[in-house]
N, C-alpha and C. Protein backbone atom coordinates (compact mmCIF):
# COMPACT_ATOMS: atom_id res chain seq x y z
N MET A 1 61.63 106.36 118.44
CA MET A 1 62.81 106.62 117.66
C MET A 1 63.71 107.63 118.35
N SER A 2 63.13 108.63 119.00
CA SER A 2 63.94 109.62 119.70
C SER A 2 64.66 109.01 120.89
N GLU A 3 64.11 107.93 121.44
CA GLU A 3 64.79 107.27 122.56
C GLU A 3 66.11 106.64 122.11
N ASN A 4 66.14 106.07 120.92
CA ASN A 4 67.36 105.48 120.40
C ASN A 4 68.42 106.54 120.12
N LEU A 5 68.02 107.69 119.61
CA LEU A 5 68.97 108.76 119.32
C LEU A 5 69.55 109.34 120.61
N SER A 6 68.73 109.47 121.64
CA SER A 6 69.23 110.05 122.88
C SER A 6 70.26 109.13 123.54
N ALA A 7 70.11 107.82 123.39
CA ALA A 7 71.08 106.90 123.97
C ALA A 7 72.42 107.00 123.25
N SER A 8 72.40 107.13 121.93
CA SER A 8 73.66 107.25 121.20
C SER A 8 74.27 108.64 121.38
N ASP A 9 73.45 109.66 121.51
CA ASP A 9 73.97 111.01 121.74
C ASP A 9 74.63 111.14 123.11
N ALA A 10 74.16 110.37 124.07
CA ALA A 10 74.74 110.45 125.41
C ALA A 10 76.15 109.88 125.43
N ALA A 11 76.45 108.92 124.57
CA ALA A 11 77.78 108.32 124.54
C ALA A 11 78.78 109.18 123.77
N ARG A 12 78.33 109.97 122.84
CA ARG A 12 79.24 110.75 122.01
C ARG A 12 80.05 111.78 122.78
N PRO A 13 79.46 112.60 123.64
CA PRO A 13 80.28 113.60 124.34
C PRO A 13 81.40 112.99 125.18
N ARG A 14 81.19 111.82 125.74
CA ARG A 14 82.25 111.19 126.53
C ARG A 14 83.45 110.86 125.64
N TRP A 15 83.19 110.30 124.45
CA TRP A 15 84.29 109.97 123.53
C TRP A 15 84.94 111.23 122.99
N ARG A 16 84.12 112.21 122.68
CA ARG A 16 84.67 113.47 122.17
C ARG A 16 85.53 114.14 123.23
N GLY A 17 85.06 114.12 124.46
CA GLY A 17 85.83 114.72 125.55
C GLY A 17 87.14 113.99 125.78
N LEU A 18 87.10 112.67 125.67
CA LEU A 18 88.32 111.88 125.85
C LEU A 18 89.31 112.15 124.73
N VAL A 19 88.83 112.20 123.50
CA VAL A 19 89.71 112.47 122.36
C VAL A 19 90.30 113.87 122.47
N THR A 20 89.49 114.84 122.84
CA THR A 20 89.97 116.21 123.00
C THR A 20 91.03 116.29 124.09
N THR A 21 90.80 115.62 125.20
CA THR A 21 91.77 115.64 126.30
C THR A 21 93.08 114.99 125.88
N VAL A 22 93.01 113.87 125.20
CA VAL A 22 94.22 113.19 124.75
C VAL A 22 95.00 114.06 123.77
N MET A 23 94.30 114.70 122.86
CA MET A 23 94.97 115.57 121.89
C MET A 23 95.65 116.76 122.56
N LEU A 24 94.97 117.37 123.52
CA LEU A 24 95.57 118.49 124.23
C LEU A 24 96.80 118.07 125.02
N VAL A 25 96.75 116.91 125.64
CA VAL A 25 97.91 116.41 126.39
C VAL A 25 99.06 116.14 125.45
N LEU A 26 98.81 115.52 124.30
CA LEU A 26 99.88 115.24 123.35
C LEU A 26 100.51 116.52 122.81
N ILE A 27 99.69 117.49 122.49
CA ILE A 27 100.22 118.77 121.99
C ILE A 27 101.05 119.45 123.07
N SER A 28 100.57 119.43 124.31
CA SER A 28 101.31 120.05 125.40
C SER A 28 102.66 119.37 125.61
N VAL A 29 102.67 118.04 125.56
CA VAL A 29 103.93 117.31 125.73
C VAL A 29 104.90 117.65 124.60
N MET A 30 104.41 117.75 123.38
CA MET A 30 105.29 118.09 122.26
C MET A 30 105.87 119.49 122.40
N ILE A 31 105.07 120.44 122.86
CA ILE A 31 105.55 121.82 123.03
C ILE A 31 106.60 121.88 124.13
N VAL A 32 106.33 121.24 125.26
CA VAL A 32 107.29 121.25 126.38
C VAL A 32 108.59 120.56 125.96
N ARG A 33 108.47 119.43 125.25
CA ARG A 33 109.67 118.71 124.81
C ARG A 33 110.49 119.59 123.87
N ASP A 34 109.84 120.31 122.96
CA ASP A 34 110.55 121.18 122.04
C ASP A 34 111.27 122.30 122.79
N ILE A 35 110.61 122.88 123.78
CA ILE A 35 111.23 123.96 124.57
C ILE A 35 112.45 123.43 125.32
N LEU A 36 112.31 122.26 125.95
CA LEU A 36 113.43 121.71 126.70
C LEU A 36 114.59 121.34 125.79
N ILE A 37 114.31 120.79 124.63
CA ILE A 37 115.39 120.43 123.71
C ILE A 37 116.12 121.68 123.23
N ARG A 38 115.39 122.72 122.92
CA ARG A 38 116.04 123.95 122.46
C ARG A 38 116.86 124.61 123.57
N ARG A 39 116.39 124.48 124.80
CA ARG A 39 117.09 125.15 125.89
C ARG A 39 118.39 124.44 126.24
N TRP A 40 118.37 123.10 126.27
CA TRP A 40 119.55 122.35 126.72
C TRP A 40 120.28 121.63 125.61
N ALA A 41 119.98 121.91 124.36
CA ALA A 41 120.67 121.23 123.26
C ALA A 41 122.08 121.78 123.06
N GLY A 42 122.34 122.93 123.56
CA GLY A 42 123.65 123.53 123.39
C GLY A 42 123.48 124.98 123.01
N PRO A 43 124.61 125.64 122.77
CA PRO A 43 124.52 127.06 122.41
C PRO A 43 123.87 127.21 121.04
N PRO A 44 123.11 128.26 120.88
CA PRO A 44 122.47 128.48 119.58
C PRO A 44 123.52 128.79 118.52
N PRO A 45 123.23 128.48 117.29
CA PRO A 45 124.21 128.78 116.24
C PRO A 45 124.41 130.28 116.13
N THR A 46 125.64 130.68 115.87
CA THR A 46 125.92 132.11 115.77
C THR A 46 125.34 132.66 114.47
N PRO A 47 124.64 133.76 114.57
CA PRO A 47 124.07 134.34 113.35
C PRO A 47 125.18 134.97 112.50
N PRO A 48 124.99 135.05 111.22
CA PRO A 48 126.01 135.69 110.39
C PRO A 48 126.10 137.17 110.73
N ASP A 49 127.30 137.69 110.63
CA ASP A 49 127.53 139.09 110.97
C ASP A 49 127.09 139.95 109.80
N THR A 50 125.94 140.56 109.90
CA THR A 50 125.42 141.34 108.78
C THR A 50 125.85 142.79 108.86
N THR A 51 126.48 143.19 109.95
CA THR A 51 126.89 144.58 110.07
C THR A 51 128.27 144.82 109.48
N GLN A 52 129.02 143.77 109.21
CA GLN A 52 130.35 143.94 108.67
C GLN A 52 130.26 144.25 107.17
N GLN A 53 130.98 145.28 106.77
CA GLN A 53 130.96 145.67 105.36
C GLN A 53 132.08 144.96 104.61
N SER A 54 131.75 144.47 103.44
CA SER A 54 132.80 143.82 102.64
C SER A 54 133.59 144.88 101.89
N ARG A 55 134.86 144.61 101.64
CA ARG A 55 135.71 145.60 100.98
C ARG A 55 135.92 145.27 99.55
């Protein structure tokens, strides 16, 4: 019985490693894409002037 478990356990780390690698690549691509879009999308919106006092 332990022989059957060892055969299935040997296949699991390969799939887990593949899934982990794919997830890390996808997250990295999303982060880089977000940075590039923010950098070259245009000038950032001007923040409201909070130092000006209303009369």
